[in-house]
N, C-alpha and C. Protein backbone atom coordinates (compact mmCIF):
# COMPACT_ATOMS: atom_id res chain seq x y z
N MET A 1 19.09 44.48 -54.35
CA MET A 1 17.69 45.10 -54.41
C MET A 1 16.65 44.00 -54.26
N PRO A 2 15.74 44.27 -53.30
CA PRO A 2 14.61 43.25 -53.15
C PRO A 2 13.63 43.25 -54.32
N LYS A 3 13.12 41.90 -54.46
CA LYS A 3 12.23 41.80 -55.52
C LYS A 3 10.96 42.26 -55.14
N PRO A 4 10.13 42.80 -56.14
CA PRO A 4 8.74 43.34 -55.87
C PRO A 4 7.87 42.21 -55.39
N LYS A 5 6.84 42.62 -54.52
CA LYS A 5 6.00 41.66 -53.94
C LYS A 5 5.19 40.74 -54.88
N GLU A 6 4.97 41.18 -56.09
CA GLU A 6 4.29 40.43 -57.17
C GLU A 6 5.07 39.20 -57.40
N ASP A 7 6.35 39.31 -57.41
CA ASP A 7 7.24 38.08 -57.69
C ASP A 7 7.08 36.92 -56.55
N LEU A 8 6.81 37.43 -55.38
CA LEU A 8 6.63 36.51 -54.31
C LEU A 8 5.51 35.64 -54.45
N ASN A 9 4.45 36.07 -55.05
CA ASN A 9 3.23 35.30 -55.24
C ASN A 9 3.11 34.57 -56.53
N SER A 10 4.24 34.69 -57.32
CA SER A 10 4.08 34.05 -58.72
C SER A 10 4.27 32.50 -58.33
N THR A 11 3.84 31.70 -59.41
CA THR A 11 3.94 30.23 -59.35
C THR A 11 5.37 29.80 -59.52
N PRO A 12 5.80 29.01 -58.58
CA PRO A 12 7.18 28.37 -58.87
C PRO A 12 7.43 27.56 -60.04
N VAL A 13 8.49 27.67 -60.72
CA VAL A 13 8.79 27.06 -61.90
C VAL A 13 9.60 25.68 -61.47
N ILE A 14 9.31 24.61 -61.97
CA ILE A 14 10.03 23.34 -61.87
C ILE A 14 10.86 23.24 -63.11
N ASN A 15 12.05 22.96 -62.91
CA ASN A 15 13.07 22.86 -64.13
C ASN A 15 12.95 21.45 -64.54
N ASP A 16 13.59 21.25 -65.75
CA ASP A 16 13.48 19.93 -66.51
C ASP A 16 14.09 18.74 -65.68
N ALA A 17 15.16 19.12 -64.91
CA ALA A 17 15.76 18.03 -64.17
C ALA A 17 14.83 17.58 -62.96
N HIS A 18 14.17 18.49 -62.35
CA HIS A 18 13.19 18.04 -61.26
C HIS A 18 11.97 17.41 -61.87
N ALA A 19 11.52 17.78 -63.04
CA ALA A 19 10.35 17.11 -63.64
C ALA A 19 10.72 15.68 -64.05
N GLU A 20 12.00 15.52 -64.69
CA GLU A 20 12.38 14.16 -65.02
C GLU A 20 12.53 13.37 -63.78
N ARG A 21 13.08 13.89 -62.79
CA ARG A 21 13.26 13.14 -61.48
C ARG A 21 11.84 12.57 -61.03
N ILE A 22 10.87 13.61 -60.94
CA ILE A 22 9.62 13.28 -60.48
C ILE A 22 8.99 12.21 -61.24
N ASP A 23 9.12 12.30 -62.66
CA ASP A 23 8.55 11.18 -63.58
C ASP A 23 9.21 9.97 -63.32
N ARG A 24 10.55 10.02 -63.09
CA ARG A 24 11.24 8.70 -62.89
C ARG A 24 10.76 8.08 -61.54
N ILE A 25 10.57 8.74 -60.51
CA ILE A 25 10.18 8.34 -59.29
C ILE A 25 8.73 7.69 -59.41
N VAL A 26 7.84 8.33 -60.04
CA VAL A 26 6.41 7.97 -60.25
C VAL A 26 6.48 6.58 -61.12
N ASP A 27 7.22 6.52 -62.15
CA ASP A 27 7.47 5.43 -62.92
C ASP A 27 7.98 4.29 -62.23
N ASP A 28 9.07 4.50 -61.45
CA ASP A 28 9.50 3.38 -60.60
C ASP A 28 8.54 2.86 -59.63
N TYR A 29 7.76 3.68 -58.93
CA TYR A 29 6.76 3.37 -58.05
C TYR A 29 5.66 2.51 -58.63
N LYS A 30 5.26 3.02 -59.85
CA LYS A 30 4.26 2.31 -60.62
C LYS A 30 4.63 0.97 -61.05
N SER A 31 5.95 0.85 -61.55
CA SER A 31 6.38 -0.38 -62.09
C SER A 31 6.59 -1.37 -60.97
N HIS A 32 6.98 -0.82 -59.79
CA HIS A 32 7.09 -1.81 -58.63
C HIS A 32 5.66 -2.34 -58.28
N ILE A 33 4.73 -1.55 -58.18
CA ILE A 33 3.39 -1.97 -57.87
C ILE A 33 2.86 -2.94 -59.01
N LEU A 34 3.05 -2.61 -60.28
CA LEU A 34 2.61 -3.49 -61.34
C LEU A 34 3.32 -4.79 -61.30
N THR A 35 4.58 -4.77 -60.96
CA THR A 35 5.29 -5.99 -60.82
C THR A 35 4.67 -6.91 -59.78
N GLN A 36 4.23 -6.32 -58.62
CA GLN A 36 3.64 -6.99 -57.53
C GLN A 36 2.28 -7.59 -58.02
N LEU A 37 1.51 -6.73 -58.87
CA LEU A 37 0.25 -7.23 -59.30
C LEU A 37 0.46 -8.29 -60.33
N ASN A 38 1.46 -8.24 -61.20
CA ASN A 38 1.67 -9.31 -62.08
C ASN A 38 2.06 -10.60 -61.39
N ALA A 39 2.84 -10.47 -60.37
CA ALA A 39 3.28 -11.64 -59.55
C ALA A 39 1.98 -12.23 -58.85
N ARG A 40 1.23 -11.50 -58.39
CA ARG A 40 0.07 -11.95 -57.68
C ARG A 40 -0.89 -12.49 -58.66
N ASP A 41 -1.15 -11.89 -59.80
CA ASP A 41 -2.00 -12.33 -60.89
C ASP A 41 -1.53 -13.73 -61.40
N HIS A 42 -0.26 -13.77 -61.62
CA HIS A 42 0.36 -15.12 -62.03
C HIS A 42 0.26 -16.20 -61.02
N HIS A 43 0.34 -15.87 -59.86
CA HIS A 43 0.19 -16.89 -58.65
C HIS A 43 -1.27 -17.30 -58.52
N GLU A 44 -2.23 -16.38 -58.72
CA GLU A 44 -3.66 -16.72 -58.55
C GLU A 44 -4.33 -17.28 -59.84
N THR A 45 -3.59 -17.16 -60.97
CA THR A 45 -4.20 -17.54 -62.17
C THR A 45 -4.11 -19.13 -62.30
N THR A 46 -5.29 -19.81 -62.55
CA THR A 46 -5.30 -21.20 -62.72
C THR A 46 -4.99 -21.53 -64.18
N ARG A 47 -4.68 -22.84 -64.34
CA ARG A 47 -4.42 -23.36 -65.73
C ARG A 47 -5.54 -23.08 -66.77
N SER A 48 -6.75 -23.22 -66.22
CA SER A 48 -7.97 -22.93 -67.11
C SER A 48 -8.04 -21.48 -67.43
N ASP A 49 -7.68 -20.62 -66.55
CA ASP A 49 -7.57 -19.11 -66.83
C ASP A 49 -6.58 -18.90 -67.83
N ARG A 50 -5.47 -19.41 -67.74
CA ARG A 50 -4.38 -19.11 -68.70
C ARG A 50 -4.80 -19.65 -70.16
N LEU A 51 -5.45 -20.80 -70.20
CA LEU A 51 -5.99 -21.38 -71.44
C LEU A 51 -7.05 -20.33 -72.02
N ALA A 52 -7.95 -19.80 -71.17
CA ALA A 52 -8.98 -18.98 -71.63
C ALA A 52 -8.27 -17.79 -72.21
N ASP A 53 -7.20 -17.27 -71.66
CA ASP A 53 -6.41 -16.02 -72.06
C ASP A 53 -5.86 -16.37 -73.50
N LYS A 54 -5.30 -17.53 -73.60
CA LYS A 54 -4.55 -17.92 -74.82
C LYS A 54 -5.66 -18.06 -75.95
N VAL A 55 -6.81 -18.75 -75.67
CA VAL A 55 -7.81 -18.75 -76.69
C VAL A 55 -8.42 -17.54 -77.13
N ALA A 56 -8.57 -16.58 -76.09
CA ALA A 56 -9.13 -15.31 -76.38
C ALA A 56 -8.14 -14.49 -77.26
N PHE A 57 -6.79 -14.61 -76.82
CA PHE A 57 -5.87 -13.94 -77.53
C PHE A 57 -5.63 -14.33 -79.04
N PHE A 58 -5.69 -15.66 -79.25
CA PHE A 58 -5.64 -16.11 -80.53
C PHE A 58 -6.92 -15.86 -81.39
N ALA A 59 -8.08 -15.95 -80.77
CA ALA A 59 -9.34 -15.67 -81.42
C ALA A 59 -9.45 -14.30 -81.80
N GLY A 60 -8.87 -13.39 -81.27
CA GLY A 60 -8.91 -11.90 -81.48
C GLY A 60 -7.72 -11.47 -82.28
N SER A 61 -7.01 -12.31 -83.00
CA SER A 61 -5.84 -11.95 -83.78
C SER A 61 -6.00 -11.93 -85.15
N TRP A 62 -5.21 -11.30 -85.95
CA TRP A 62 -5.32 -11.27 -87.44
C TRP A 62 -4.89 -12.67 -87.93
N LYS A 63 -4.09 -13.37 -87.11
CA LYS A 63 -3.59 -14.74 -87.61
C LYS A 63 -4.90 -15.69 -87.66
N PHE A 64 -5.82 -15.60 -86.59
CA PHE A 64 -6.99 -16.41 -86.53
C PHE A 64 -7.96 -15.92 -87.70
N ILE A 65 -8.09 -14.68 -87.91
CA ILE A 65 -8.98 -14.21 -88.98
C ILE A 65 -8.53 -14.67 -90.37
N ILE A 66 -7.24 -14.57 -90.65
CA ILE A 66 -6.76 -15.02 -91.89
C ILE A 66 -6.90 -16.48 -92.13
N ILE A 67 -6.50 -17.23 -90.97
CA ILE A 67 -6.60 -18.81 -91.14
C ILE A 67 -7.99 -19.16 -91.34
N PHE A 68 -8.98 -18.60 -90.49
CA PHE A 68 -10.25 -18.91 -90.69
C PHE A 68 -10.86 -18.52 -91.96
N THR A 69 -10.60 -17.37 -92.46
CA THR A 69 -11.01 -17.01 -93.89
C THR A 69 -10.61 -17.90 -94.86
N LEU A 70 -9.35 -18.39 -94.87
CA LEU A 70 -8.80 -19.26 -95.76
C LEU A 70 -9.54 -20.61 -95.68
N PHE A 71 -9.79 -20.95 -94.46
CA PHE A 71 -10.57 -22.33 -94.23
C PHE A 71 -11.92 -22.25 -94.80
N LEU A 72 -12.61 -21.15 -94.47
CA LEU A 72 -13.94 -20.98 -95.11
C LEU A 72 -13.98 -20.91 -96.67
N THR A 73 -13.05 -20.23 -97.20
CA THR A 73 -12.99 -20.03 -98.64
C THR A 73 -12.67 -21.41 -99.29
N ILE A 74 -11.65 -22.14 -98.77
CA ILE A 74 -11.29 -23.37 -99.37
C ILE A 74 -12.55 -24.30 -99.21
N TRP A 75 -13.22 -24.36 -97.95
CA TRP A 75 -14.37 -25.31 -97.78
C TRP A 75 -15.46 -24.98 -98.92
N MET A 76 -15.81 -23.71 -99.04
CA MET A 76 -16.89 -23.41 -99.96
C MET A 76 -16.40 -23.62 -101.40
N VAL A 77 -15.27 -23.28 -101.67
CA VAL A 77 -14.78 -23.49 -103.13
C VAL A 77 -14.72 -25.04 -103.32
N TRP A 78 -14.22 -25.84 -102.51
CA TRP A 78 -14.00 -27.21 -102.73
C TRP A 78 -15.56 -27.90 -102.86
N ASN A 79 -16.38 -27.44 -102.13
CA ASN A 79 -17.69 -28.06 -102.15
C ASN A 79 -18.62 -27.45 -103.18
N SER A 80 -18.04 -26.45 -104.00
CA SER A 80 -18.86 -25.77 -104.97
C SER A 80 -18.40 -26.07 -106.49
N LEU A 81 -17.20 -26.41 -106.65
CA LEU A 81 -16.55 -26.59 -107.94
C LEU A 81 -17.16 -27.89 -108.68
N THR A 82 -17.33 -27.80 -109.90
CA THR A 82 -17.89 -28.91 -110.53
C THR A 82 -16.79 -30.07 -110.69
N ILE A 83 -15.52 -29.56 -110.77
CA ILE A 83 -14.37 -30.40 -110.91
C ILE A 83 -14.26 -31.50 -109.61
N THR A 84 -14.77 -30.96 -108.47
CA THR A 84 -14.67 -31.84 -107.29
C THR A 84 -15.93 -32.35 -106.77
N THR A 85 -16.90 -32.51 -107.82
CA THR A 85 -18.26 -32.99 -107.51
C THR A 85 -18.21 -34.29 -106.74
N ALA A 86 -17.36 -35.21 -107.16
CA ALA A 86 -17.37 -36.65 -106.60
C ALA A 86 -16.92 -36.56 -105.14
N LEU A 87 -16.12 -35.45 -104.85
CA LEU A 87 -15.54 -35.26 -103.51
C LEU A 87 -16.24 -34.30 -102.56
N HIS A 88 -17.44 -33.77 -103.03
CA HIS A 88 -18.20 -32.87 -102.16
C HIS A 88 -18.71 -33.72 -100.86
N PHE A 89 -18.47 -33.08 -99.73
CA PHE A 89 -18.97 -33.60 -98.51
C PHE A 89 -19.96 -32.70 -97.82
N ASP A 90 -19.99 -31.42 -98.41
CA ASP A 90 -21.06 -30.51 -97.78
C ASP A 90 -21.52 -29.55 -98.82
N VAL A 91 -22.53 -29.99 -99.59
CA VAL A 91 -23.01 -29.10 -100.67
C VAL A 91 -23.76 -28.05 -100.22
N ALA A 92 -23.82 -26.89 -101.05
CA ALA A 92 -24.72 -25.68 -100.63
C ALA A 92 -26.09 -26.16 -100.17
N PRO A 93 -26.56 -25.64 -99.21
CA PRO A 93 -26.22 -24.46 -98.36
C PRO A 93 -25.24 -24.64 -97.25
N PHE A 94 -24.26 -25.63 -97.39
CA PHE A 94 -23.24 -25.84 -96.36
C PHE A 94 -23.79 -26.02 -94.92
N ILE A 95 -24.51 -27.00 -94.72
CA ILE A 95 -25.14 -27.30 -93.44
C ILE A 95 -23.99 -27.61 -92.44
N LEU A 96 -23.00 -28.54 -92.86
CA LEU A 96 -21.94 -28.84 -91.93
C LEU A 96 -21.06 -27.68 -91.61
N LEU A 97 -20.80 -26.84 -92.59
CA LEU A 97 -20.01 -25.64 -92.31
C LEU A 97 -20.75 -24.75 -91.28
N ASN A 98 -22.09 -24.61 -91.47
CA ASN A 98 -22.81 -23.72 -90.44
C ASN A 98 -22.79 -24.40 -89.12
N LEU A 99 -22.80 -25.64 -89.04
CA LEU A 99 -22.60 -26.33 -87.66
C LEU A 99 -21.27 -26.08 -87.05
N ILE A 100 -20.23 -26.08 -87.90
CA ILE A 100 -18.85 -25.89 -87.39
C ILE A 100 -18.82 -24.42 -86.96
N LEU A 101 -19.34 -23.41 -87.76
CA LEU A 101 -19.29 -22.00 -87.39
C LEU A 101 -20.07 -21.72 -86.05
N SER A 102 -21.21 -22.39 -85.91
CA SER A 102 -21.99 -22.21 -84.51
C SER A 102 -21.19 -22.83 -83.52
N PHE A 103 -20.58 -24.00 -83.75
CA PHE A 103 -19.86 -24.51 -82.53
C PHE A 103 -18.65 -23.69 -82.24
N THR A 104 -17.93 -23.04 -83.25
CA THR A 104 -16.79 -22.27 -83.07
C THR A 104 -17.18 -21.01 -82.14
N ALA A 105 -18.33 -20.44 -82.55
CA ALA A 105 -18.84 -19.25 -81.85
C ALA A 105 -19.20 -19.62 -80.45
N ALA A 106 -19.96 -20.74 -80.25
CA ALA A 106 -20.50 -21.06 -79.00
C ALA A 106 -19.21 -21.56 -78.07
N PHE A 107 -18.15 -22.08 -78.76
CA PHE A 107 -16.97 -22.46 -77.92
C PHE A 107 -16.11 -21.44 -77.51
N GLN A 108 -16.00 -20.42 -78.48
CA GLN A 108 -15.08 -19.19 -78.22
C GLN A 108 -15.76 -18.26 -77.21
N ALA A 109 -16.94 -18.07 -77.28
CA ALA A 109 -17.62 -17.07 -76.51
C ALA A 109 -17.28 -17.07 -74.94
N PRO A 110 -17.48 -18.23 -74.38
CA PRO A 110 -17.14 -18.35 -72.87
C PRO A 110 -15.74 -18.13 -72.54
N PHE A 111 -14.74 -18.54 -73.50
CA PHE A 111 -13.38 -18.24 -73.20
C PHE A 111 -13.03 -16.90 -73.23
N ILE A 112 -13.59 -16.15 -74.25
CA ILE A 112 -13.43 -14.72 -74.42
C ILE A 112 -13.89 -14.03 -73.26
N ILE A 113 -15.17 -14.30 -72.86
CA ILE A 113 -15.84 -13.68 -71.62
C ILE A 113 -15.03 -13.93 -70.39
N MET A 114 -14.53 -15.21 -70.15
CA MET A 114 -13.68 -15.40 -68.97
C MET A 114 -12.39 -14.48 -68.92
N SER A 115 -11.81 -14.39 -70.19
CA SER A 115 -10.62 -13.67 -70.25
C SER A 115 -10.90 -12.14 -70.02
N GLN A 116 -11.99 -11.66 -70.56
CA GLN A 116 -12.35 -10.25 -70.41
C GLN A 116 -12.63 -9.94 -68.99
N ASN A 117 -13.35 -10.84 -68.28
CA ASN A 117 -13.60 -10.71 -66.83
C ASN A 117 -12.41 -10.55 -66.03
N ARG A 118 -11.37 -11.48 -66.26
CA ARG A 118 -10.09 -11.40 -65.57
C ARG A 118 -9.35 -10.17 -65.90
N GLN A 119 -9.48 -9.62 -67.13
CA GLN A 119 -8.81 -8.51 -67.53
C GLN A 119 -9.47 -7.24 -66.85
N ALA A 120 -10.83 -7.28 -66.81
CA ALA A 120 -11.52 -6.22 -66.03
C ALA A 120 -11.07 -6.14 -64.54
N ILE A 121 -10.88 -7.27 -63.93
CA ILE A 121 -10.39 -7.28 -62.58
C ILE A 121 -9.09 -6.81 -62.50
N ARG A 122 -8.20 -7.10 -63.32
CA ARG A 122 -6.75 -6.68 -63.35
C ARG A 122 -6.79 -5.03 -63.64
N ASP A 123 -7.66 -4.68 -64.56
CA ASP A 123 -7.67 -3.19 -64.82
C ASP A 123 -8.20 -2.39 -63.63
N LYS A 124 -9.15 -3.13 -62.85
CA LYS A 124 -9.63 -2.40 -61.71
C LYS A 124 -8.53 -2.27 -60.60
N HIS A 125 -7.71 -3.31 -60.48
CA HIS A 125 -6.56 -3.15 -59.61
C HIS A 125 -5.58 -2.11 -60.07
N GLU A 126 -5.31 -2.08 -61.28
CA GLU A 126 -4.43 -0.99 -61.81
C GLU A 126 -4.99 0.34 -61.74
N ALA A 127 -6.33 0.51 -61.80
CA ALA A 127 -6.97 1.72 -61.57
C ALA A 127 -6.89 2.27 -60.17
N VAL A 128 -6.94 1.30 -59.20
CA VAL A 128 -6.78 1.57 -57.81
C VAL A 128 -5.28 2.06 -57.59
N VAL A 129 -4.32 1.38 -58.27
CA VAL A 129 -2.99 1.85 -58.00
C VAL A 129 -2.77 3.29 -58.52
N ASP A 130 -3.34 3.49 -59.70
CA ASP A 130 -3.22 4.90 -60.34
C ASP A 130 -3.88 5.87 -59.50
N PHE A 131 -5.01 5.58 -58.81
CA PHE A 131 -5.87 6.43 -58.06
C PHE A 131 -4.78 6.80 -56.80
N SER A 132 -4.33 5.72 -56.23
CA SER A 132 -3.48 5.92 -55.03
C SER A 132 -2.29 6.72 -55.26
N ILE A 133 -1.57 6.53 -56.46
CA ILE A 133 -0.55 7.35 -56.79
C ILE A 133 -0.97 8.82 -56.96
N ASN A 134 -2.02 9.12 -57.67
CA ASN A 134 -2.55 10.48 -57.89
C ASN A 134 -2.99 11.06 -56.63
N TYR A 135 -3.65 10.28 -55.63
CA TYR A 135 -4.07 10.84 -54.44
C TYR A 135 -2.77 11.19 -53.55
N LYS A 136 -1.82 10.28 -53.48
CA LYS A 136 -0.55 10.59 -52.77
C LYS A 136 0.12 11.83 -53.28
N ALA A 137 0.27 11.93 -54.75
CA ALA A 137 0.81 13.09 -55.18
C ALA A 137 -0.06 14.32 -54.92
N GLU A 138 -1.29 14.36 -54.89
CA GLU A 138 -2.09 15.46 -54.62
C GLU A 138 -1.83 15.92 -53.15
N ILE A 139 -1.71 14.94 -52.18
CA ILE A 139 -1.43 15.28 -50.83
C ILE A 139 -0.04 15.89 -50.68
N GLU A 140 0.91 15.33 -51.32
CA GLU A 140 2.25 15.95 -51.28
C GLU A 140 2.35 17.36 -52.05
N ILE A 141 1.64 17.49 -53.00
CA ILE A 141 1.48 18.94 -53.64
C ILE A 141 0.96 19.92 -52.74
N ASP A 142 -0.13 19.48 -52.08
CA ASP A 142 -0.83 20.42 -51.13
C ASP A 142 0.19 20.71 -50.03
N ASP A 143 0.88 19.67 -49.52
CA ASP A 143 1.80 19.93 -48.39
C ASP A 143 3.01 20.91 -48.90
N VAL A 144 3.42 20.74 -50.05
CA VAL A 144 4.48 21.53 -50.63
C VAL A 144 3.98 22.93 -50.82
N GLN A 145 2.80 23.10 -51.25
CA GLN A 145 2.12 24.45 -51.42
C GLN A 145 1.94 25.12 -50.09
N ARG A 146 1.59 24.42 -49.01
CA ARG A 146 1.40 25.03 -47.71
C ARG A 146 2.77 25.46 -47.24
N HIS A 147 3.77 24.61 -47.50
CA HIS A 147 5.15 25.00 -47.04
C HIS A 147 5.58 26.26 -47.76
N LEU A 148 5.43 26.25 -49.12
CA LEU A 148 5.74 27.43 -49.89
C LEU A 148 5.07 28.66 -49.48
N HIS A 149 3.75 28.48 -49.07
CA HIS A 149 3.00 29.70 -48.78
C HIS A 149 3.60 30.23 -47.35
N HIS A 150 4.02 29.39 -46.51
CA HIS A 150 4.60 29.75 -45.19
C HIS A 150 5.87 30.45 -45.43
N LEU A 151 6.75 29.91 -46.36
CA LEU A 151 8.02 30.55 -46.74
C LEU A 151 7.75 31.84 -47.40
N GLU A 152 6.70 32.01 -48.14
CA GLU A 152 6.35 33.31 -48.74
C GLU A 152 6.11 34.39 -47.68
N LEU A 153 5.23 33.89 -46.67
CA LEU A 153 4.92 34.79 -45.67
C LEU A 153 6.22 35.31 -44.92
N GLN A 154 7.12 34.26 -44.55
CA GLN A 154 8.35 34.61 -43.91
C GLN A 154 9.16 35.49 -44.72
N VAL A 155 9.36 35.35 -45.94
CA VAL A 155 10.07 36.13 -46.80
C VAL A 155 9.46 37.58 -46.81
N ALA A 156 8.15 37.67 -46.76
CA ALA A 156 7.47 38.94 -46.90
C ALA A 156 7.80 39.74 -45.55
N ASP A 157 7.60 38.96 -44.42
CA ASP A 157 8.04 39.63 -43.13
C ASP A 157 9.47 40.08 -43.07
N ILE A 158 10.43 39.19 -43.56
CA ILE A 158 11.73 39.66 -43.64
C ILE A 158 11.97 40.90 -44.58
N HIS A 159 11.23 40.85 -45.67
CA HIS A 159 11.28 41.97 -46.60
C HIS A 159 10.82 43.25 -45.94
N GLN A 160 9.67 43.18 -45.14
CA GLN A 160 9.20 44.28 -44.41
C GLN A 160 10.10 44.86 -43.33
N MET A 161 10.75 43.79 -42.64
CA MET A 161 11.72 44.22 -41.54
C MET A 161 12.95 44.97 -42.30
N LEU A 162 13.30 44.36 -43.38
CA LEU A 162 14.54 45.14 -44.05
C LEU A 162 14.12 46.48 -44.50
N GLN A 163 12.94 46.66 -44.96
CA GLN A 163 12.40 48.08 -45.45
C GLN A 163 12.39 48.85 -44.13
N LYS A 164 11.97 48.43 -43.02
CA LYS A 164 11.96 49.30 -41.82
C LYS A 164 13.37 49.71 -41.44
N LEU A 165 14.15 48.65 -41.51
CA LEU A 165 15.61 48.88 -41.01
C LEU A 165 16.22 49.92 -42.01
N HIS A 166 16.01 49.80 -43.25
CA HIS A 166 16.56 50.54 -44.23
C HIS A 166 15.91 52.11 -44.07
N SER A 167 14.76 52.16 -43.77
CA SER A 167 14.08 53.56 -43.60
C SER A 167 14.76 54.08 -42.41
N LYS A 168 14.95 53.34 -41.29
CA LYS A 168 15.58 54.04 -40.09
C LYS A 168 17.09 54.40 -40.35
N GLN A 169 17.80 53.60 -41.13
CA GLN A 169 19.14 54.01 -41.51
C GLN A 169 19.12 55.25 -42.26
N THR A 170 18.21 55.29 -43.20
CA THR A 170 18.12 56.59 -43.99
C THR A 170 17.79 57.84 -43.16
N GLU A 171 16.90 57.71 -42.02
CA GLU A 171 16.56 58.73 -41.22
C GLU A 171 17.76 59.15 -40.39
N LEU A 172 18.58 58.19 -39.97
CA LEU A 172 19.71 58.51 -39.11
C LEU A 172 20.81 59.18 -39.87
N GLU A 173 20.91 59.03 -41.15
CA GLU A 173 21.94 59.68 -41.93
C GLU A 173 21.60 61.11 -42.19
């Protein structure tokens, strides 16, 4: 028995196996492109760029925050206790400590900015890859939809022919 015409216009359903296959293909394609980007990035990265990345990575870590907090606490406690009065080398208001903090901030900032600029360039390349993948997928989906629409029209024509043939057979009987 032929399906009603409403079923012909319904949205096709992709089963889980097809969805997993599509996801796997997209992931493989993306990982291949990202591997090439990583290789190119590694090839084009200078020693100073890698140093900037390492400094920025360490300066933005909890390890740095904890170590620096301990350093500051020990410095201030050492130079404030009455027990260590003879060994004080930077009494309050801690001028030497302020100089070290200013130097640290002035020294870290360019490294962090250099690393962020490199990461922004890399993110831009990855965004272009993502856009390309999405654009290609959109074109392929449009192509599949056009093909599906063409098949639906052909099925509708066949269905119409079968109805005419069926009506002629019923008239002959």
